[in-house]
Amino acid sequence: MRYRAIVVGASAGGIEAFGRIIGKLPALFSLPIILVQHLHKDQDSTLARFYNDRTLLKVEEAEEKENILPGHIYIAPPDYHLLLERDETFSLSVDEKVNYSRPSIDVLFESAADVYGAELVGVLLTGANHDGARGLQRIKEHGGLALVEDPATAKFPEMPRSALACTDVDYILSLDELGDFLLTLADGYLVRQEE
């Protein structure tokens, strides 16, 4: 199966967790990665700079109507829901909070599932609430691949446990295993790029 995009959701403990995963990815990693990390609405937009120091990929905050490009990491801006549109661009929304969160992981995952279907990978990391469980379920319903950080090793296990309670996920992995696994998803595409 060839995948076209990866969506990631994280809450408490997620900044460090996501940094560990993307630190394993090479510059030739070609799948776009789109992240919702729960942040305080007044937090300034320094997360992209933080991650740019930890990965060889280009990290940026997603912007309205921006095209989704391979080999980029996009982050939802604070206090905006991040959605994907059919033309594979971003849309930002200030609609009501979902699961007490804006941005909401469910909002991103559900819109991405509608766009990419079976060609989508969903990853749910550490967190202390239930956001993302319903969205990961939608990804599975559309034939996508569902990955969850192992609750036994997650800094805050509630979010991964919530997903496991409602979705038959494909893999439960530690952070180190997640980074290695993502590499296998793009492996064939990496080889073609190098030829």
Foldseek 3Di string as FASTA:
>chain_A
DAAAAEEEEEEVVVLVLVLLQQLLDAQLQWHEYEYEYFDALPDDPCSQVVSVVRHNAREDEADAFAAGGTRYYYYHHRQWAWAADLVRHIHTHNPDADQNTVNFLLRHLLRVCVNRQQNYEYEYAADAGQTPLVSLQSNVVSNHAYEYEALVQGPHNPHSVNNVVRHPHDYHHHSVVNSVVSCVSCVVVSVVVVD
